Full PDB file with SEQRES, HELIX, SHEET, SSBOND, CRYST1, ORIGX, SCALE, CONECT and MASTER records, all heavy atoms in Angstrom:
SEQRES   1 A   44  THR THR ALA VAL LEU TYR ASN HIS GLY ILE LYS ASP ALA          
SEQRES   2 A   44  ASP LEU TRP GLY ILE ALA ALA GLY PHE ALA ALA GLY ILE          
SEQRES   3 A   44  ILE LYS GLU LEU ILE ASP ASP LYS PRO ASP PRO ALA ASP          
SEQRES   4 A   44  ALA TYR ALA THR MET                                          
HELIX    1 AA1 THR A    2  ASN A    7  1                                   6    
HELIX    2 AA2 ALA A   13  ILE A   31  1                                  19    
HELIX    3 AA3 PRO A   37  THR A   43  1                                   7    
CRYST1    1.000    1.000    1.000  90.00  90.00  90.00 P 1           1          
ORIGX1      1.000000  0.000000  0.000000        0.00000                         
ORIGX2      0.000000  1.000000  0.000000        0.00000                         
ORIGX3      0.000000  0.000000  1.000000        0.00000                         
SCALE1      1.000000  0.000000  0.000000        0.00000                         
SCALE2      0.000000  1.000000  0.000000        0.00000                         
SCALE3      0.000000  0.000000  1.000000        0.00000                         
ATOM      1  N   THR A   1       2.531  -3.791  -7.770  1.00  0.00           N  
ATOM      2  CA  THR A   1       1.133  -3.969  -7.964  1.00  0.00           C  
ATOM      3  C   THR A   1       0.623  -3.245  -9.189  1.00  0.00           C  
ATOM      4  O   THR A   1      -0.127  -3.754  -9.954  1.00  0.00           O  
ATOM      5  CB  THR A   1       0.359  -3.457  -6.677  1.00  0.00           C  
ATOM      6  OG1 THR A   1       0.856  -4.125  -5.498  1.00  0.00           O  
ATOM      7  CG2 THR A   1      -1.115  -3.585  -6.774  1.00  0.00           C  
ATOM      8  N   THR A   2       1.099  -2.014  -9.333  1.00  0.00           N  
ATOM      9  CA  THR A   2       0.657  -1.199 -10.492  1.00  0.00           C  
ATOM     10  C   THR A   2       1.040  -1.878 -11.776  1.00  0.00           C  
ATOM     11  O   THR A   2       0.271  -1.956 -12.756  1.00  0.00           O  
ATOM     12  CB  THR A   2       1.174   0.227 -10.408  1.00  0.00           C  
ATOM     13  OG1 THR A   2       0.699   0.795  -9.143  1.00  0.00           O  
ATOM     14  CG2 THR A   2       0.700   1.071 -11.582  1.00  0.00           C  
ATOM     15  N   ALA A   3       2.347  -2.311 -11.878  1.00  0.00           N  
ATOM     16  CA  ALA A   3       2.805  -2.914 -13.109  1.00  0.00           C  
ATOM     17  C   ALA A   3       2.059  -4.165 -13.420  1.00  0.00           C  
ATOM     18  O   ALA A   3       1.659  -4.348 -14.631  1.00  0.00           O  
ATOM     19  CB  ALA A   3       4.259  -3.176 -12.950  1.00  0.00           C  
ATOM     20  N   VAL A   4       1.880  -5.017 -12.466  1.00  0.00           N  
ATOM     21  CA  VAL A   4       1.093  -6.266 -12.742  1.00  0.00           C  
ATOM     22  C   VAL A   4      -0.312  -5.998 -13.172  1.00  0.00           C  
ATOM     23  O   VAL A   4      -0.804  -6.588 -14.165  1.00  0.00           O  
ATOM     24  CB  VAL A   4       1.178  -7.247 -11.524  1.00  0.00           C  
ATOM     25  CG1 VAL A   4       0.167  -8.386 -11.610  1.00  0.00           C  
ATOM     26  CG2 VAL A   4       2.531  -7.699 -11.234  1.00  0.00           C  
ATOM     27  N   LEU A   5      -0.967  -5.118 -12.468  1.00  0.00           N  
ATOM     28  CA  LEU A   5      -2.350  -4.856 -12.807  1.00  0.00           C  
ATOM     29  C   LEU A   5      -2.479  -4.128 -14.172  1.00  0.00           C  
ATOM     30  O   LEU A   5      -3.430  -4.403 -14.928  1.00  0.00           O  
ATOM     31  CB  LEU A   5      -3.031  -3.964 -11.738  1.00  0.00           C  
ATOM     32  CG  LEU A   5      -3.225  -4.684 -10.400  1.00  0.00           C  
ATOM     33  CD1 LEU A   5      -3.843  -3.648  -9.385  1.00  0.00           C  
ATOM     34  CD2 LEU A   5      -4.043  -5.862 -10.498  1.00  0.00           C  
ATOM     35  N   TYR A   6      -1.548  -3.291 -14.453  1.00  0.00           N  
ATOM     36  CA  TYR A   6      -1.575  -2.563 -15.769  1.00  0.00           C  
ATOM     37  C   TYR A   6      -1.350  -3.559 -16.873  1.00  0.00           C  
ATOM     38  O   TYR A   6      -2.045  -3.498 -17.897  1.00  0.00           O  
ATOM     39  CB  TYR A   6      -0.410  -1.526 -15.807  1.00  0.00           C  
ATOM     40  CG  TYR A   6      -0.394  -0.751 -17.104  1.00  0.00           C  
ATOM     41  CD1 TYR A   6      -1.225   0.284 -17.367  1.00  0.00           C  
ATOM     42  CD2 TYR A   6       0.475  -1.139 -18.073  1.00  0.00           C  
ATOM     43  CE1 TYR A   6      -1.189   1.039 -18.460  1.00  0.00           C  
ATOM     44  CE2 TYR A   6       0.496  -0.437 -19.344  1.00  0.00           C  
ATOM     45  CZ  TYR A   6      -0.301   0.653 -19.534  1.00  0.00           C  
ATOM     46  OH  TYR A   6      -0.321   1.278 -20.695  1.00  0.00           O  
ATOM     47  N   ASN A   7      -0.455  -4.499 -16.716  1.00  0.00           N  
ATOM     48  CA  ASN A   7      -0.229  -5.555 -17.737  1.00  0.00           C  
ATOM     49  C   ASN A   7      -1.406  -6.452 -17.940  1.00  0.00           C  
ATOM     50  O   ASN A   7      -1.517  -7.152 -18.962  1.00  0.00           O  
ATOM     51  CB  ASN A   7       1.070  -6.386 -17.358  1.00  0.00           C  
ATOM     52  CG  ASN A   7       2.278  -5.549 -17.586  1.00  0.00           C  
ATOM     53  OD1 ASN A   7       2.362  -4.631 -18.402  1.00  0.00           O  
ATOM     54  ND2 ASN A   7       3.339  -5.818 -16.876  1.00  0.00           N  
ATOM     55  N   HIS A   8      -2.265  -6.593 -16.951  1.00  0.00           N  
ATOM     56  CA  HIS A   8      -3.443  -7.361 -17.102  1.00  0.00           C  
ATOM     57  C   HIS A   8      -4.696  -6.554 -17.490  1.00  0.00           C  
ATOM     58  O   HIS A   8      -5.808  -7.052 -17.549  1.00  0.00           O  
ATOM     59  CB  HIS A   8      -3.809  -8.086 -15.722  1.00  0.00           C  
ATOM     60  CG  HIS A   8      -2.937  -9.265 -15.475  1.00  0.00           C  
ATOM     61  ND1 HIS A   8      -1.679  -9.163 -14.871  1.00  0.00           N  
ATOM     62  CD2 HIS A   8      -3.103 -10.571 -15.755  1.00  0.00           C  
ATOM     63  CE1 HIS A   8      -1.210 -10.330 -14.782  1.00  0.00           C  
ATOM     64  NE2 HIS A   8      -2.025 -11.194 -15.315  1.00  0.00           N  
ATOM     65  N   GLY A   9      -4.453  -5.270 -17.853  1.00  0.00           N  
ATOM     66  CA  GLY A   9      -5.524  -4.434 -18.444  1.00  0.00           C  
ATOM     67  C   GLY A   9      -6.484  -3.947 -17.370  1.00  0.00           C  
ATOM     68  O   GLY A   9      -7.555  -3.511 -17.739  1.00  0.00           O  
ATOM     69  N   ILE A  10      -6.100  -3.907 -16.113  1.00  0.00           N  
ATOM     70  CA  ILE A  10      -7.006  -3.394 -15.063  1.00  0.00           C  
ATOM     71  C   ILE A  10      -7.059  -1.904 -15.105  1.00  0.00           C  
ATOM     72  O   ILE A  10      -6.058  -1.176 -15.162  1.00  0.00           O  
ATOM     73  CB  ILE A  10      -6.495  -3.831 -13.671  1.00  0.00           C  
ATOM     74  CG1 ILE A  10      -6.339  -5.349 -13.625  1.00  0.00           C  
ATOM     75  CG2 ILE A  10      -7.380  -3.315 -12.581  1.00  0.00           C  
ATOM     76  CD1 ILE A  10      -7.588  -6.132 -13.774  1.00  0.00           C  
ATOM     77  N   LYS A  11      -8.223  -1.340 -15.097  1.00  0.00           N  
ATOM     78  CA  LYS A  11      -8.455   0.111 -15.127  1.00  0.00           C  
ATOM     79  C   LYS A  11      -8.006   0.710 -13.749  1.00  0.00           C  
ATOM     80  O   LYS A  11      -8.184   0.104 -12.750  1.00  0.00           O  
ATOM     81  CB  LYS A  11      -9.980   0.408 -15.370  1.00  0.00           C  
ATOM     82  CG  LYS A  11     -10.289   1.848 -15.462  1.00  0.00           C  
ATOM     83  CD  LYS A  11     -11.705   2.040 -15.697  1.00  0.00           C  
ATOM     84  CE  LYS A  11     -12.016   3.591 -15.768  1.00  0.00           C  
ATOM     85  NZ  LYS A  11     -13.396   3.836 -15.916  1.00  0.00           N  
ATOM     86  N   ASP A  12      -7.385   1.876 -13.863  1.00  0.00           N  
ATOM     87  CA  ASP A  12      -6.846   2.532 -12.691  1.00  0.00           C  
ATOM     88  C   ASP A  12      -5.894   1.746 -11.856  1.00  0.00           C  
ATOM     89  O   ASP A  12      -5.854   1.736 -10.632  1.00  0.00           O  
ATOM     90  CB  ASP A  12      -8.030   3.025 -11.798  1.00  0.00           C  
ATOM     91  CG  ASP A  12      -8.952   4.051 -12.475  1.00  0.00           C  
ATOM     92  OD1 ASP A  12      -8.491   4.786 -13.254  1.00  0.00           O  
ATOM     93  OD2 ASP A  12     -10.160   4.029 -12.146  1.00  0.00           O  
ATOM     94  N   ALA A  13      -4.935   1.084 -12.578  1.00  0.00           N  
ATOM     95  CA  ALA A  13      -3.935   0.229 -11.932  1.00  0.00           C  
ATOM     96  C   ALA A  13      -3.070   1.031 -10.965  1.00  0.00           C  
ATOM     97  O   ALA A  13      -2.715   0.583  -9.946  1.00  0.00           O  
ATOM     98  CB  ALA A  13      -3.059  -0.423 -12.995  1.00  0.00           C  
ATOM     99  N   ASP A  14      -2.773   2.346 -11.354  1.00  0.00           N  
ATOM    100  CA  ASP A  14      -1.977   3.189 -10.454  1.00  0.00           C  
ATOM    101  C   ASP A  14      -2.616   3.446  -9.108  1.00  0.00           C  
ATOM    102  O   ASP A  14      -2.032   3.413  -8.069  1.00  0.00           O  
ATOM    103  CB  ASP A  14      -1.580   4.461 -11.125  1.00  0.00           C  
ATOM    104  CG  ASP A  14      -2.731   5.183 -11.784  1.00  0.00           C  
ATOM    105  OD1 ASP A  14      -3.783   4.575 -11.993  1.00  0.00           O  
ATOM    106  OD2 ASP A  14      -2.580   6.380 -12.054  1.00  0.00           O  
ATOM    107  N   LEU A  15      -3.978   3.650  -9.171  1.00  0.00           N  
ATOM    108  CA  LEU A  15      -4.712   3.844  -7.911  1.00  0.00           C  
ATOM    109  C   LEU A  15      -4.732   2.627  -7.031  1.00  0.00           C  
ATOM    110  O   LEU A  15      -4.624   2.641  -5.804  1.00  0.00           O  
ATOM    111  CB  LEU A  15      -6.160   4.327  -8.203  1.00  0.00           C  
ATOM    112  CG  LEU A  15      -6.249   5.761  -8.849  1.00  0.00           C  
ATOM    113  CD1 LEU A  15      -7.664   6.028  -9.186  1.00  0.00           C  
ATOM    114  CD2 LEU A  15      -5.539   6.772  -8.015  1.00  0.00           C  
ATOM    115  N   TRP A  16      -4.882   1.403  -7.674  1.00  0.00           N  
ATOM    116  CA  TRP A  16      -4.793   0.176  -6.953  1.00  0.00           C  
ATOM    117  C   TRP A  16      -3.420  -0.056  -6.380  1.00  0.00           C  
ATOM    118  O   TRP A  16      -3.317  -0.582  -5.251  1.00  0.00           O  
ATOM    119  CB  TRP A  16      -5.224  -0.968  -7.858  1.00  0.00           C  
ATOM    120  CG  TRP A  16      -6.710  -1.066  -8.093  1.00  0.00           C  
ATOM    121  CD1 TRP A  16      -7.368  -0.736  -9.266  1.00  0.00           C  
ATOM    122  CD2 TRP A  16      -7.766  -1.435  -7.186  1.00  0.00           C  
ATOM    123  NE1 TRP A  16      -8.702  -0.948  -9.138  1.00  0.00           N  
ATOM    124  CE2 TRP A  16      -8.909  -1.327  -7.806  1.00  0.00           C  
ATOM    125  CE3 TRP A  16      -7.674  -1.820  -5.847  1.00  0.00           C  
ATOM    126  CZ2 TRP A  16     -10.196  -1.621  -7.227  1.00  0.00           C  
ATOM    127  CZ3 TRP A  16      -8.890  -2.192  -5.236  1.00  0.00           C  
ATOM    128  CH2 TRP A  16     -10.109  -2.018  -5.910  1.00  0.00           C  
ATOM    129  N   GLY A  17      -2.438   0.368  -7.044  1.00  0.00           N  
ATOM    130  CA  GLY A  17      -1.046   0.292  -6.532  1.00  0.00           C  
ATOM    131  C   GLY A  17      -0.842   1.087  -5.314  1.00  0.00           C  
ATOM    132  O   GLY A  17      -0.231   0.679  -4.338  1.00  0.00           O  
ATOM    133  N   ILE A  18      -1.327   2.346  -5.385  1.00  0.00           N  
ATOM    134  CA  ILE A  18      -1.285   3.217  -4.223  1.00  0.00           C  
ATOM    135  C   ILE A  18      -2.061   2.625  -3.074  1.00  0.00           C  
ATOM    136  O   ILE A  18      -1.508   2.624  -1.879  1.00  0.00           O  
ATOM    137  CB  ILE A  18      -1.675   4.599  -4.588  1.00  0.00           C  
ATOM    138  CG1 ILE A  18      -0.729   5.310  -5.595  1.00  0.00           C  
ATOM    139  CG2 ILE A  18      -1.885   5.492  -3.327  1.00  0.00           C  
ATOM    140  CD1 ILE A  18      -1.252   6.557  -6.149  1.00  0.00           C  
ATOM    141  N   ALA A  19      -3.205   2.109  -3.376  1.00  0.00           N  
ATOM    142  CA  ALA A  19      -4.056   1.555  -2.294  1.00  0.00           C  
ATOM    143  C   ALA A  19      -3.377   0.337  -1.614  1.00  0.00           C  
ATOM    144  O   ALA A  19      -3.426   0.112  -0.397  1.00  0.00           O  
ATOM    145  CB  ALA A  19      -5.443   1.100  -2.836  1.00  0.00           C  
ATOM    146  N   ALA A  20      -2.663  -0.485  -2.431  1.00  0.00           N  
ATOM    147  CA  ALA A  20      -1.939  -1.656  -1.891  1.00  0.00           C  
ATOM    148  C   ALA A  20      -0.870  -1.196  -0.959  1.00  0.00           C  
ATOM    149  O   ALA A  20      -0.693  -1.803   0.089  1.00  0.00           O  
ATOM    150  CB  ALA A  20      -1.380  -2.523  -3.028  1.00  0.00           C  
ATOM    151  N   GLY A  21      -0.091  -0.171  -1.310  1.00  0.00           N  
ATOM    152  CA  GLY A  21       0.907   0.349  -0.459  1.00  0.00           C  
ATOM    153  C   GLY A  21       0.343   0.963   0.811  1.00  0.00           C  
ATOM    154  O   GLY A  21       0.878   0.710   1.932  1.00  0.00           O  
ATOM    155  N   PHE A  22      -0.726   1.696   0.690  1.00  0.00           N  
ATOM    156  CA  PHE A  22      -1.326   2.227   1.852  1.00  0.00           C  
ATOM    157  C   PHE A  22      -1.802   1.134   2.834  1.00  0.00           C  
ATOM    158  O   PHE A  22      -1.560   1.231   4.063  1.00  0.00           O  
ATOM    159  CB  PHE A  22      -2.605   3.095   1.545  1.00  0.00           C  
ATOM    160  CG  PHE A  22      -2.228   4.560   1.134  1.00  0.00           C  
ATOM    161  CD1 PHE A  22      -1.145   4.854   0.346  1.00  0.00           C  
ATOM    162  CD2 PHE A  22      -3.046   5.575   1.615  1.00  0.00           C  
ATOM    163  CE1 PHE A  22      -0.835   6.179   0.011  1.00  0.00           C  
ATOM    164  CE2 PHE A  22      -2.743   6.827   1.280  1.00  0.00           C  
ATOM    165  CZ  PHE A  22      -1.714   7.136   0.420  1.00  0.00           C  
ATOM    166  N   ALA A  23      -2.452   0.123   2.324  1.00  0.00           N  
ATOM    167  CA  ALA A  23      -2.926  -0.957   3.118  1.00  0.00           C  
ATOM    168  C   ALA A  23      -1.785  -1.719   3.771  1.00  0.00           C  
ATOM    169  O   ALA A  23      -1.948  -2.002   4.962  1.00  0.00           O  
ATOM    170  CB  ALA A  23      -3.711  -1.925   2.177  1.00  0.00           C  
ATOM    171  N   ALA A  24      -0.723  -1.899   3.073  1.00  0.00           N  
ATOM    172  CA  ALA A  24       0.405  -2.626   3.660  1.00  0.00           C  
ATOM    173  C   ALA A  24       0.968  -1.824   4.859  1.00  0.00           C  
ATOM    174  O   ALA A  24       1.270  -2.377   5.902  1.00  0.00           O  
ATOM    175  CB  ALA A  24       1.501  -2.888   2.633  1.00  0.00           C  
ATOM    176  N   GLY A  25       1.092  -0.551   4.648  1.00  0.00           N  
ATOM    177  CA  GLY A  25       1.654   0.300   5.674  1.00  0.00           C  
ATOM    178  C   GLY A  25       0.805   0.367   6.873  1.00  0.00           C  
ATOM    179  O   GLY A  25       1.273   0.273   8.087  1.00  0.00           O  
ATOM    180  N   ILE A  26      -0.502   0.432   6.708  1.00  0.00           N  
ATOM    181  CA  ILE A  26      -1.433   0.478   7.828  1.00  0.00           C  
ATOM    182  C   ILE A  26      -1.506  -0.833   8.534  1.00  0.00           C  
ATOM    183  O   ILE A  26      -1.444  -0.887   9.775  1.00  0.00           O  
ATOM    184  CB  ILE A  26      -2.890   0.926   7.362  1.00  0.00           C  
ATOM    185  CG1 ILE A  26      -2.773   2.404   6.908  1.00  0.00           C  
ATOM    186  CG2 ILE A  26      -3.862   0.792   8.495  1.00  0.00           C  
ATOM    187  CD1 ILE A  26      -3.998   2.915   6.202  1.00  0.00           C  
ATOM    188  N   ILE A  27      -1.600  -1.937   7.853  1.00  0.00           N  
ATOM    189  CA  ILE A  27      -1.660  -3.230   8.433  1.00  0.00           C  
ATOM    190  C   ILE A  27      -0.431  -3.583   9.252  1.00  0.00           C  
ATOM    191  O   ILE A  27      -0.450  -4.125  10.286  1.00  0.00           O  
ATOM    192  CB  ILE A  27      -1.947  -4.366   7.350  1.00  0.00           C  
ATOM    193  CG1 ILE A  27      -3.433  -4.162   6.803  1.00  0.00           C  
ATOM    194  CG2 ILE A  27      -1.787  -5.717   7.894  1.00  0.00           C  
ATOM    195  CD1 ILE A  27      -3.758  -4.974   5.654  1.00  0.00           C  
ATOM    196  N   LYS A  28       0.701  -3.205   8.600  1.00  0.00           N  
ATOM    197  CA  LYS A  28       1.982  -3.476   9.322  1.00  0.00           C  
ATOM    198  C   LYS A  28       2.012  -2.743  10.609  1.00  0.00           C  
ATOM    199  O   LYS A  28       2.445  -3.352  11.641  1.00  0.00           O  
ATOM    200  CB  LYS A  28       3.130  -3.060   8.387  1.00  0.00           C  
ATOM    201  CG  LYS A  28       4.436  -3.593   8.860  1.00  0.00           C  
ATOM    202  CD  LYS A  28       5.187  -2.523   9.702  1.00  0.00           C  
ATOM    203  CE  LYS A  28       6.559  -2.936  10.086  1.00  0.00           C  
ATOM    204  NZ  LYS A  28       6.989  -2.392  11.359  1.00  0.00           N  
ATOM    205  N   GLU A  29       1.601  -1.544  10.705  1.00  0.00           N  
ATOM    206  CA  GLU A  29       1.631  -0.805  11.943  1.00  0.00           C  
ATOM    207  C   GLU A  29       0.575  -1.283  12.958  1.00  0.00           C  
ATOM    208  O   GLU A  29       0.804  -1.209  14.169  1.00  0.00           O  
ATOM    209  CB  GLU A  29       1.439   0.718  11.691  1.00  0.00           C  
ATOM    210  CG  GLU A  29       2.654   1.324  10.950  1.00  0.00           C  
ATOM    211  CD  GLU A  29       3.967   1.041  11.601  1.00  0.00           C  
ATOM    212  OE1 GLU A  29       4.139   1.112  12.837  1.00  0.00           O  
ATOM    213  OE2 GLU A  29       4.917   0.645  10.884  1.00  0.00           O  
ATOM    214  N   LEU A  30      -0.513  -1.824  12.432  1.00  0.00           N  
ATOM    215  CA  LEU A  30      -1.570  -2.332  13.349  1.00  0.00           C  
ATOM    216  C   LEU A  30      -1.081  -3.584  14.015  1.00  0.00           C  
ATOM    217  O   LEU A  30      -1.451  -3.829  15.211  1.00  0.00           O  
ATOM    218  CB  LEU A  30      -2.870  -2.597  12.625  1.00  0.00           C  
ATOM    219  CG  LEU A  30      -3.615  -1.411  12.193  1.00  0.00           C  
ATOM    220  CD1 LEU A  30      -4.850  -1.805  11.304  1.00  0.00           C  
ATOM    221  CD2 LEU A  30      -4.110  -0.602  13.361  1.00  0.00           C  
ATOM    222  N   ILE A  31      -0.243  -4.417  13.373  1.00  0.00           N  
ATOM    223  CA  ILE A  31       0.239  -5.623  13.988  1.00  0.00           C  
ATOM    224  C   ILE A  31       1.553  -5.470  14.707  1.00  0.00           C  
ATOM    225  O   ILE A  31       2.049  -6.419  15.338  1.00  0.00           O  
ATOM    226  CB  ILE A  31       0.252  -6.788  12.969  1.00  0.00           C  
ATOM    227  CG1 ILE A  31       1.275  -6.449  11.888  1.00  0.00           C  
ATOM    228  CG2 ILE A  31      -1.073  -7.091  12.409  1.00  0.00           C  
ATOM    229  CD1 ILE A  31       1.499  -7.628  10.931  1.00  0.00           C  
ATOM    230  N   ASP A  32       2.201  -4.327  14.640  1.00  0.00           N  
ATOM    231  CA  ASP A  32       3.445  -4.054  15.258  1.00  0.00           C  
ATOM    232  C   ASP A  32       3.316  -4.004  16.780  1.00  0.00           C  
ATOM    233  O   ASP A  32       2.247  -3.620  17.320  1.00  0.00           O  
ATOM    234  CB  ASP A  32       3.970  -2.708  14.758  1.00  0.00           C  
ATOM    235  CG  ASP A  32       5.303  -2.864  14.084  1.00  0.00           C  
ATOM    236  OD1 ASP A  32       5.868  -3.903  14.122  1.00  0.00           O  
ATOM    237  OD2 ASP A  32       5.844  -1.829  13.637  1.00  0.00           O  
ATOM    238  N   ASP A  33       4.384  -4.381  17.475  1.00  0.00           N  
ATOM    239  CA  ASP A  33       4.398  -4.268  18.951  1.00  0.00           C  
ATOM    240  C   ASP A  33       4.457  -2.755  19.372  1.00  0.00           C  
ATOM    241  O   ASP A  33       3.788  -2.440  20.371  1.00  0.00           O  
ATOM    242  CB  ASP A  33       5.577  -4.976  19.560  1.00  0.00           C  
ATOM    243  CG  ASP A  33       5.436  -6.462  19.397  1.00  0.00           C  
ATOM    244  OD1 ASP A  33       4.334  -6.997  19.327  1.00  0.00           O  
ATOM    245  OD2 ASP A  33       6.550  -7.199  19.422  1.00  0.00           O  
ATOM    246  N   LYS A  34       5.156  -1.988  18.618  1.00  0.00           N  
ATOM    247  CA  LYS A  34       5.290  -0.492  18.867  1.00  0.00           C  
ATOM    248  C   LYS A  34       4.861   0.241  17.589  1.00  0.00           C  
ATOM    249  O   LYS A  34       5.701   0.590  16.857  1.00  0.00           O  
ATOM    250  CB  LYS A  34       6.690  -0.196  19.308  1.00  0.00           C  
ATOM    251  CG  LYS A  34       7.138  -0.834  20.503  1.00  0.00           C  
ATOM    252  CD  LYS A  34       8.576  -0.475  20.893  1.00  0.00           C  
ATOM    253  CE  LYS A  34       9.090  -1.197  22.093  1.00  0.00           C  
ATOM    254  NZ  LYS A  34      10.471  -0.877  22.355  1.00  0.00           N  
ATOM    255  N   PRO A  35       3.573   0.447  17.386  1.00  0.00           N  
ATOM    256  CA  PRO A  35       3.138   1.149  16.200  1.00  0.00           C  
ATOM    257  C   PRO A  35       3.675   2.666  16.178  1.00  0.00           C  
ATOM    258  O   PRO A  35       3.765   3.265  17.224  1.00  0.00           O  
ATOM    259  CB  PRO A  35       1.614   1.226  16.313  1.00  0.00           C  
ATOM    260  CG  PRO A  35       1.234   0.486  17.539  1.00  0.00           C  
ATOM    261  CD  PRO A  35       2.496   0.087  18.261  1.00  0.00           C  
ATOM    262  N   ASP A  36       4.090   3.019  14.959  1.00  0.00           N  
ATOM    263  CA  ASP A  36       4.643   4.367  14.776  1.00  0.00           C  
ATOM    264  C   ASP A  36       3.943   4.986  13.609  1.00  0.00           C  
ATOM    265  O   ASP A  36       4.105   4.547  12.474  1.00  0.00           O  
ATOM    266  CB  ASP A  36       6.148   4.275  14.581  1.00  0.00           C  
ATOM    267  CG  ASP A  36       6.804   5.652  14.525  1.00  0.00           C  
ATOM    268  OD1 ASP A  36       6.034   6.691  14.619  1.00  0.00           O  
ATOM    269  OD2 ASP A  36       8.027   5.716  14.313  1.00  0.00           O  
ATOM    270  N   PRO A  37       3.140   5.984  13.775  1.00  0.00           N  
ATOM    271  CA  PRO A  37       2.442   6.613  12.617  1.00  0.00           C  
ATOM    272  C   PRO A  37       3.385   7.087  11.569  1.00  0.00           C  
ATOM    273  O   PRO A  37       3.111   7.101  10.402  1.00  0.00           O  
ATOM    274  CB  PRO A  37       1.664   7.776  13.255  1.00  0.00           C  
ATOM    275  CG  PRO A  37       1.529   7.448  14.694  1.00  0.00           C  
ATOM    276  CD  PRO A  37       2.674   6.578  15.077  1.00  0.00           C  
ATOM    277  N   ALA A  38       4.621   7.581  11.945  1.00  0.00           N  
ATOM    278  CA  ALA A  38       5.576   8.053  11.012  1.00  0.00           C  
ATOM    279  C   ALA A  38       6.023   7.020  10.037  1.00  0.00           C  
ATOM    280  O   ALA A  38       6.238   7.242   8.880  1.00  0.00           O  
ATOM    281  CB  ALA A  38       6.770   8.654  11.730  1.00  0.00           C  
ATOM    282  N   ASP A  39       6.104   5.725  10.519  1.00  0.00           N  
ATOM    283  CA  ASP A  39       6.346   4.563   9.646  1.00  0.00           C  
ATOM    284  C   ASP A  39       5.284   4.406   8.621  1.00  0.00           C  
ATOM    285  O   ASP A  39       5.585   4.216   7.386  1.00  0.00           O  
ATOM    286  CB  ASP A  39       6.550   3.382  10.393  1.00  0.00           C  
ATOM    287  CG  ASP A  39       7.866   3.360  11.272  1.00  0.00           C  
ATOM    288  OD1 ASP A  39       8.659   4.197  10.982  1.00  0.00           O  
ATOM    289  OD2 ASP A  39       7.993   2.475  12.140  1.00  0.00           O  
ATOM    290  N   ALA A  40       4.030   4.450   9.042  1.00  0.00           N  
ATOM    291  CA  ALA A  40       2.904   4.323   8.074  1.00  0.00           C  
ATOM    292  C   ALA A  40       2.903   5.458   7.052  1.00  0.00           C  
ATOM    293  O   ALA A  40       2.711   5.218   5.859  1.00  0.00           O  
ATOM    294  CB  ALA A  40       1.568   4.302   8.823  1.00  0.00           C  
ATOM    295  N   TYR A  41       3.198   6.675   7.466  1.00  0.00           N  
ATOM    296  CA  TYR A  41       3.257   7.842   6.563  1.00  0.00           C  
ATOM    297  C   TYR A  41       4.395   7.594   5.533  1.00  0.00           C  
ATOM    298  O   TYR A  41       4.224   7.922   4.370  1.00  0.00           O  
ATOM    299  CB  TYR A  41       3.435   9.154   7.269  1.00  0.00           C  
ATOM    300  CG  TYR A  41       2.280   9.497   8.175  1.00  0.00           C  
ATOM    301  CD1 TYR A  41       2.493  10.064   9.476  1.00  0.00           C  
ATOM    302  CD2 TYR A  41       0.973   9.236   7.862  1.00  0.00           C  
ATOM    303  CE1 TYR A  41       1.387  10.371  10.274  1.00  0.00           C  
ATOM    304  CE2 TYR A  41      -0.119   9.517   8.687  1.00  0.00           C  
ATOM    305  CZ  TYR A  41       0.115  10.125   9.894  1.00  0.00           C  
ATOM    306  OH  TYR A  41      -0.885  10.441  10.719  1.00  0.00           O  
ATOM    307  N   ALA A  42       5.511   7.131   5.999  1.00  0.00           N  
ATOM    308  CA  ALA A  42       6.664   6.956   5.079  1.00  0.00           C  
ATOM    309  C   ALA A  42       6.245   5.882   4.062  1.00  0.00           C  
ATOM    310  O   ALA A  42       6.647   6.003   2.811  1.00  0.00           O  
ATOM    311  CB  ALA A  42       7.872   6.529   5.851  1.00  0.00           C  
ATOM    312  N   THR A  43       5.657   4.836   4.446  1.00  0.00           N  
ATOM    313  CA  THR A  43       5.180   3.793   3.466  1.00  0.00           C  
ATOM    314  C   THR A  43       4.214   4.392   2.505  1.00  0.00           C  
ATOM    315  O   THR A  43       4.266   4.067   1.300  1.00  0.00           O  
ATOM    316  CB  THR A  43       4.511   2.613   4.272  1.00  0.00           C  
ATOM    317  OG1 THR A  43       5.360   2.107   5.247  1.00  0.00           O  
ATOM    318  CG2 THR A  43       4.162   1.445   3.310  1.00  0.00           C  
ATOM    319  N   MET A  44       3.317   5.242   2.892  1.00  0.00           N  
ATOM    320  CA  MET A  44       2.298   5.871   2.020  1.00  0.00           C  
ATOM    321  C   MET A  44       3.010   6.784   1.082  1.00  0.00           C  
ATOM    322  O   MET A  44       2.692   6.767  -0.142  1.00  0.00           O  
ATOM    323  CB  MET A  44       1.310   6.637   2.866  1.00  0.00           C  
ATOM    324  CG  MET A  44       0.399   5.782   3.684  1.00  0.00           C  
ATOM    325  SD  MET A  44      -0.720   6.831   4.702  1.00  0.00           S  
ATOM    326  CE  MET A  44      -1.440   5.546   5.663  1.00  0.00           C  
TER     327      MET A  44                                                      
MASTER        0    0    0    3    0    0    0    6  326    1    0    4          
END                                                                             
């Protein structure tokens, strides 16, 4: 995410990349049958 946004000239691409990873980790655990906060933290 960071590389693509940076190449398109998006300001603060690194923060958007971190946000995308955080969102993916949280969403994945919300839809999991057995959510595990440690998995979300590892993704973050």
